[in-house]
Amino acid sequence: QRRPIHDFGGDTPDPDSVDESMLDVRKAFIPRDGHFLLMSDWSQIELRILAVNAQEPEWLLAFELGLDVHELAALAAYGPKPADPDLAKWWRKLGKQINFGIVYGVGDVTLSVTIQRTPEETGEFKDAYFARFRKIKQHCTAVSRQCEEQKWVANMWGRRRYLNRSESYKAVNFQVQGSSADFMKDTFCRFRPLRLAGLAYCLNIVHDEYINEILYVNTEDAIPLIALRMQTSDRINCSLKADLSWSPKSWGEAESLDCVPCEGRGKVYPLSKAEMFDLFQHRQMKRLEALLDDYTICENCKGRGYDLTPIIEHRERMNAKG
């Protein structure tokens, strides 16, 4: 029997897990001879949109520095990060659940089931979360109230959704997910010149992920253009990160292209991510803001955040074999 994949954890399977049948589907997507597959999606795009809509300063700063907002949420709601790696993983997962609980408009009772706490405890967690991220709270309240009054809400692209008063809790979710969907469509349209030029062909779109087929000879031309289009927006005024992976075999056997020395950020800072997070924990915002101008461009990836070396080396081995 096929087991379900759930959005949230608890006693259910991990939300990032993929069952065997889905993995088989991914392995069915294979590149033609002389081509490879490039998989690209956005890192935490929905939370970046929420950060822009709410103008939440800590989130915007964290995204600019390449930090994990789920960890910030866990810090705000549940306290400092545990030293034990397994507990730290569980702690981050709770942060992710409360983040998306806010985005989806989930109530305390439903969220309490998700995080396996009482509704009272869940309410306390949310109060602590909103006490730190006041702009998020103010934005959610304002959007819901406005929707109650005018019976509709619009996303960044101006698309409206009409909601009854009893459905106004869905307003924030539409703004975030509706904007994310329209950004994806807009980006896909900007891929068209790549297809017309024969640089890349989009085989499939799943959620917020593109699967492109690219000729090896076009590696250095196609991938920077795809990344540029995904990381550029005239509406989302926030640092955007495209996560890139590739495979010479199938969609189900992808390997990350993130640059290792800079951890996919394209920049090298004088402080590690752990040290930056410690500054967030103690609200040393001025020191964190100073880091925005205190970095060097990563020599390995030349500031791109991704490393094409695995693809180029594979191409050279193929050419050597003739």
Protein backbone atom coordinates (compact mmCIF):
# COMPACT_ATOMS: atom_id res chain seq x y z
CA GLN A 1 0.00 0.00 0.00
CA ARG A 2 1.31 3.42 -0.97
CA ARG A 3 2.05 5.44 2.16
CA PRO A 4 0.98 9.09 2.22
CA ILE A 5 3.36 12.02 2.22
CA HIS A 6 2.27 14.70 4.66
CA ASP A 7 3.04 18.40 4.82
CA PHE A 8 3.86 18.21 8.51
CA GLY A 9 5.70 15.85 10.81
CA GLY A 10 4.63 14.35 14.11
CA ASP A 11 4.13 10.60 13.81
CA THR A 12 3.88 10.90 10.02
CA PRO A 13 6.78 10.44 7.57
CA ASP A 14 9.30 13.22 7.20
CA PRO A 15 7.91 15.94 4.89
CA ASP A 16 11.04 15.86 2.74
CA SER A 17 10.88 12.11 2.20
CA VAL A 18 9.89 10.66 -1.15
CA ASP A 19 8.38 7.20 -1.42
CA GLU A 20 9.76 4.60 -3.78
CA SER A 21 7.05 5.09 -6.39
CA MET A 22 7.86 8.80 -6.68
CA LEU A 23 11.57 8.02 -6.94
CA ASP A 24 10.78 5.66 -9.81
CA VAL A 25 8.93 8.49 -11.55
CA ARG A 26 11.93 10.77 -11.15
CA LYS A 27 14.25 8.13 -12.56
CA ALA A 28 12.04 7.93 -15.65
CA PHE A 29 13.21 11.41 -16.71
CA ILE A 30 16.52 10.83 -18.49
CA PRO A 31 18.55 13.13 -20.76
CA ARG A 32 19.27 12.46 -24.41
CA ASP A 33 22.78 11.60 -25.56
CA GLY A 34 25.10 14.57 -25.21
CA HIS A 35 22.79 16.22 -22.68
CA PHE A 36 22.40 16.41 -18.90
CA LEU A 37 19.54 17.45 -16.63
CA LEU A 38 19.65 20.62 -14.58
CA MET A 39 17.23 20.83 -11.65
CA SER A 40 16.63 24.28 -10.21
CA ASP A 41 14.34 25.56 -7.50
CA TRP A 42 14.22 28.44 -5.05
CA SER A 43 15.43 28.32 -1.49
CA GLN A 44 12.60 29.27 0.90
CA ILE A 45 10.88 31.42 -1.73
CA GLU A 46 7.57 31.61 0.17
CA LEU A 47 9.25 32.89 3.32
CA ARG A 48 11.24 35.43 1.31
CA ILE A 49 7.98 36.76 -0.14
CA LEU A 50 6.45 36.94 3.34
CA ALA A 51 9.55 38.79 4.57
CA VAL A 52 9.18 41.34 1.76
CA ASN A 53 5.44 41.77 2.31
CA ALA A 54 5.90 42.25 6.05
CA GLN A 55 9.26 44.06 5.77
CA GLU A 56 10.52 41.92 8.64
CA PRO A 57 14.09 43.21 9.17
CA GLU A 58 15.59 40.12 10.80
CA TRP A 59 14.38 37.83 8.03
CA LEU A 60 15.54 40.15 5.25
CA LEU A 61 18.97 40.40 6.87
CA ALA A 62 19.16 36.63 7.38
CA PHE A 63 18.36 35.96 3.74
CA GLU A 64 20.97 38.49 2.62
CA LEU A 65 23.59 36.72 4.75
CA GLY A 66 22.54 33.27 3.54
CA LEU A 67 21.18 32.04 6.88
CA ASP A 68 18.35 29.62 7.60
CA VAL A 69 15.09 31.34 8.59
CA HIS A 70 13.66 28.06 9.92
CA GLU A 71 16.40 28.14 12.54
CA LEU A 72 15.53 31.74 13.39
CA ALA A 73 11.91 30.69 13.84
CA ALA A 74 12.94 27.83 16.12
CA LEU A 75 15.11 30.23 18.13
CA ALA A 76 12.22 32.67 18.56
CA ALA A 77 9.60 30.06 19.45
CA TYR A 78 11.52 27.37 21.32
CA GLY A 79 14.76 28.91 22.54
CA PRO A 80 18.47 28.33 21.77
CA LYS A 81 19.66 25.63 19.39
CA PRO A 82 20.41 22.30 21.14
CA ALA A 83 24.01 21.10 21.09
CA ASP A 84 22.99 17.54 20.25
CA PRO A 85 22.83 17.15 16.41
CA ASP A 86 19.70 14.97 16.48
CA LEU A 87 17.89 17.38 18.78
CA ALA A 88 19.06 20.30 16.64
CA LYS A 89 17.52 18.66 13.57
CA TRP A 90 14.23 18.15 15.42
CA TRP A 91 14.40 21.76 16.73
CA ARG A 92 14.81 23.13 13.19
CA LYS A 93 11.91 20.99 11.99
CA LEU A 94 9.69 22.57 14.64
CA GLY A 95 10.79 25.99 13.40
CA LYS A 96 9.88 25.01 9.85
CA GLN A 97 6.47 23.79 10.97
CA ILE A 98 5.61 26.98 12.80
CA ASN A 99 6.83 29.09 9.86
CA PHE A 100 4.57 27.32 7.41
CA GLY A 101 1.79 27.17 9.98
CA ILE A 102 1.83 30.97 9.91
CA VAL A 103 1.93 31.07 6.10
CA TYR A 104 -0.93 28.57 5.75
CA GLY A 105 -3.05 30.24 8.44
CA VAL A 106 -3.10 27.11 10.60
CA GLY A 107 -4.86 27.48 13.95
CA ASP A 108 -3.40 26.58 17.35
CA VAL A 109 -5.28 23.28 17.58
CA THR A 110 -4.10 22.01 14.19
CA LEU A 111 -0.55 23.23 14.75
CA SER A 112 -0.51 21.59 18.20
CA VAL A 113 -1.17 18.23 16.56
CA THR A 114 1.64 18.88 14.13
CA ILE A 115 4.25 19.72 16.74
CA GLN A 116 2.80 17.30 19.30
CA ARG A 117 2.14 19.86 22.00
CA THR A 118 -1.02 21.07 23.72
CA PRO A 119 -2.93 23.98 22.16
CA GLU A 120 -1.94 26.07 25.19
CA GLU A 121 1.76 25.34 24.68
CA THR A 122 1.40 25.99 20.95
CA GLY A 123 -0.19 29.36 21.69
CA GLU A 124 2.77 30.22 23.92
CA PHE A 125 5.20 29.25 21.15
CA LYS A 126 3.38 31.46 18.65
CA ASP A 127 3.31 34.35 21.14
CA ALA A 128 7.09 34.06 21.56
CA TYR A 129 7.50 33.84 17.76
CA PHE A 130 5.42 36.97 17.16
CA ALA A 131 7.09 38.81 20.03
CA ARG A 132 10.36 38.58 18.12
CA PHE A 133 8.97 38.95 14.59
CA ARG A 134 6.56 41.78 15.23
CA LYS A 135 6.36 42.85 11.60
CA ILE A 136 5.12 39.39 10.63
CA LYS A 137 2.35 39.61 13.23
CA GLN A 138 1.37 43.14 12.20
CA HIS A 139 1.30 42.16 8.53
CA CYS A 140 -0.82 39.03 9.05
CA THR A 141 -3.31 40.95 11.15
CA ALA A 142 -3.52 43.88 8.72
CA VAL A 143 -3.97 41.67 5.64
CA SER A 144 -6.70 39.60 7.27
CA ARG A 145 -8.58 42.70 8.42
CA GLN A 146 -8.32 44.35 5.02
CA CYS A 147 -9.59 41.18 3.38
CA GLU A 148 -12.57 41.09 5.77
CA GLU A 149 -13.48 44.63 4.75
CA GLN A 150 -12.99 44.46 0.98
CA LYS A 151 -13.65 40.72 0.50
CA TRP A 152 -10.54 40.18 -1.62
CA VAL A 153 -6.77 40.16 -1.47
CA ALA A 154 -4.16 40.74 -4.20
CA ASN A 155 -0.70 39.27 -4.66
CA MET A 156 2.46 40.97 -5.93
CA TRP A 157 1.36 40.53 -9.54
CA GLY A 158 -2.03 42.13 -8.88
CA ARG A 159 -3.97 38.88 -9.14
CA ARG A 160 -6.96 38.86 -6.81
CA ARG A 161 -8.65 36.17 -4.79
CA TYR A 162 -12.13 36.84 -3.46
CA LEU A 163 -12.76 35.52 0.05
CA ASN A 164 -15.72 35.60 2.40
CA ARG A 165 -15.27 37.06 5.85
CA SER A 166 -14.96 33.55 7.32
CA GLU A 167 -12.14 32.80 4.87
CA SER A 168 -10.03 35.88 5.56
CA TYR A 169 -7.44 33.70 7.36
CA LYS A 170 -6.45 32.47 3.89
CA ALA A 171 -5.45 35.96 2.73
CA VAL A 172 -1.80 35.82 3.82
CA ASN A 173 -1.44 32.38 2.29
CA PHE A 174 -2.76 33.59 -1.06
CA GLN A 175 -0.45 36.59 -1.06
CA VAL A 176 2.54 34.34 -0.43
CA GLN A 177 1.73 31.26 -2.52
CA GLY A 178 -0.05 33.25 -5.22
CA SER A 179 2.98 35.49 -5.63
CA SER A 180 5.28 32.47 -5.63
CA ALA A 181 3.22 30.82 -8.38
CA ASP A 182 3.12 33.95 -10.52
CA PHE A 183 6.85 34.50 -10.06
CA MET A 184 7.44 30.98 -11.29
CA LYS A 185 5.26 31.56 -14.36
CA ASP A 186 7.01 34.87 -15.03
CA THR A 187 10.42 33.22 -14.75
CA PHE A 188 9.37 30.40 -17.05
CA CYS A 189 8.38 32.95 -19.69
CA ARG A 190 11.85 34.48 -19.36
CA PHE A 191 13.33 31.05 -20.11
CA ARG A 192 11.87 31.21 -23.63
CA PRO A 193 14.89 32.91 -25.28
CA LEU A 194 17.09 30.08 -23.95
CA ARG A 195 14.87 27.51 -25.62
CA LEU A 196 14.72 29.46 -28.88
CA ALA A 197 18.51 29.75 -28.87
CA GLY A 198 18.85 26.01 -28.27
CA LEU A 199 20.60 26.52 -24.93
CA ALA A 200 18.10 24.74 -22.66
CA TYR A 201 14.80 22.94 -22.92
CA CYS A 202 12.45 22.74 -19.92
CA LEU A 203 11.14 19.18 -19.68
CA ASN A 204 8.95 19.57 -16.63
CA ILE A 205 7.89 21.86 -13.78
CA VAL A 206 7.04 20.37 -10.39
CA HIS A 207 5.96 22.71 -7.57
CA ASP A 208 8.77 25.32 -7.64
CA GLU A 209 11.32 23.18 -9.47
CA TYR A 210 12.35 23.34 -13.14
CA ILE A 211 13.88 20.34 -14.90
CA ASN A 212 15.92 21.52 -17.89
CA GLU A 213 17.76 19.44 -20.47
CA ILE A 214 21.03 21.04 -21.58
CA LEU A 215 23.73 20.12 -24.08
CA TYR A 216 27.13 19.69 -22.41
CA VAL A 217 28.64 22.20 -24.82
CA ASN A 218 26.17 24.81 -23.58
CA THR A 219 26.99 24.38 -19.87
CA GLU A 220 28.82 27.67 -19.37
CA ASP A 221 26.24 29.65 -21.36
CA ALA A 222 22.93 28.14 -20.22
CA ILE A 223 23.30 27.71 -16.46
CA PRO A 224 24.33 31.32 -15.63
CA LEU A 225 21.34 32.58 -17.62
CA ILE A 226 18.93 30.23 -15.82
CA ALA A 227 20.32 31.20 -12.41
CA LEU A 228 20.19 34.91 -13.28
CA ARG A 229 16.54 34.74 -14.30
CA MET A 230 15.59 32.84 -11.15
CA GLN A 231 17.47 35.20 -8.86
CA THR A 232 16.17 38.41 -10.43
CA SER A 233 12.77 39.98 -9.81
CA ASP A 234 11.39 43.48 -10.15
CA ARG A 235 8.75 42.72 -7.50
CA ILE A 236 10.46 40.60 -4.84
CA ASN A 237 12.87 43.07 -3.23
CA CYS A 238 14.89 40.48 -1.35
CA SER A 239 17.98 38.36 -1.88
CA LEU A 240 16.92 35.30 -3.92
CA LYS A 241 18.73 31.97 -3.98
CA ALA A 242 18.34 29.33 -6.71
CA ASP A 243 19.37 25.85 -5.61
CA LEU A 244 20.93 24.05 -8.58
CA SER A 245 21.61 20.35 -9.01
CA TRP A 246 22.48 18.24 -12.03
CA SER A 247 22.55 14.67 -13.25
CA PRO A 248 23.99 12.90 -16.30
CA LYS A 249 21.63 9.97 -15.63
CA SER A 250 18.16 10.94 -14.39
CA TRP A 251 16.09 13.39 -12.37
CA GLY A 252 16.13 10.92 -9.50
CA GLU A 253 19.95 10.95 -9.23
CA ALA A 254 20.72 14.64 -8.79
CA GLU A 255 23.84 16.12 -7.21
CA SER A 256 24.04 19.64 -5.78
CA LEU A 257 26.07 22.30 -7.59
CA ASP A 258 26.37 24.52 -4.52
CA CYS A 259 29.87 25.91 -4.10
CA VAL A 260 31.40 24.24 -1.05
CA PRO A 261 33.86 26.94 0.14
CA CYS A 262 31.17 29.67 0.35
CA GLU A 263 28.27 27.28 1.11
CA GLY A 264 26.40 28.43 -1.98
CA ARG A 265 26.42 32.12 -1.08
CA GLY A 266 29.02 33.43 -3.53
CA LYS A 267 30.49 35.48 -0.69
CA VAL A 268 32.97 34.69 2.06
CA TYR A 269 32.35 36.42 5.38
CA PRO A 270 34.76 36.83 8.33
CA LEU A 271 32.27 34.94 10.52
CA SER A 272 30.90 31.43 10.11
CA LYS A 273 27.15 30.76 9.89
CA ALA A 274 27.23 29.50 13.48
CA GLU A 275 28.86 32.72 14.65
CA MET A 276 26.33 34.81 12.73
CA PHE A 277 23.49 32.83 14.24
CA ASP A 278 24.91 33.48 17.70
CA LEU A 279 24.73 37.20 16.95
CA PHE A 280 21.08 36.78 15.94
CA GLN A 281 20.43 34.92 19.17
CA HIS A 282 21.77 37.84 21.17
CA ARG A 283 20.18 40.44 18.86
CA GLN A 284 23.48 41.99 17.82
CA MET A 285 21.85 43.49 14.75
CA LYS A 286 24.36 46.29 14.14
CA ARG A 287 27.23 43.80 13.98
CA LEU A 288 25.24 41.65 11.57
CA GLU A 289 24.36 44.63 9.38
CA ALA A 290 28.04 45.56 9.22
CA LEU A 291 28.73 42.17 7.61
CA LEU A 292 26.73 43.22 4.55
CA ASP A 293 29.78 45.24 3.46
CA ASP A 294 32.42 43.01 5.05
CA TYR A 295 32.94 40.11 2.66
CA THR A 296 35.06 38.94 -0.24
CA ILE A 297 33.85 37.33 -3.45
CA CYS A 298 34.37 33.58 -3.38
CA GLU A 299 37.35 32.75 -5.60
CA ASN A 300 36.13 29.23 -6.30
CA CYS A 301 32.76 30.17 -7.85
CA LYS A 302 33.56 33.81 -8.71
CA GLY A 303 30.58 35.00 -6.70
CA ARG A 304 27.98 32.84 -8.44
CA GLY A 305 27.25 30.51 -5.53
CA TYR A 306 27.36 27.41 -7.72
CA ASP A 307 30.24 25.37 -9.11
CA LEU A 308 30.15 23.95 -12.64
CA THR A 309 33.31 21.88 -12.15
CA PRO A 310 31.49 18.50 -11.80
CA ILE A 311 29.71 19.01 -15.14
CA ILE A 312 32.82 20.26 -16.95
CA GLU A 313 34.95 17.39 -15.64
CA HIS A 314 32.30 14.87 -16.69
CA ARG A 315 32.19 16.46 -20.14
CA GLU A 316 35.98 16.22 -20.45
CA ARG A 317 35.92 12.54 -19.49
CA MET A 318 33.25 11.90 -22.14
CA ASN A 319 35.29 13.73 -24.78
CA ALA A 320 38.42 11.79 -23.81
CA LYS A 321 36.59 8.52 -24.41
CA GLY A 322 35.60 9.76 -27.83
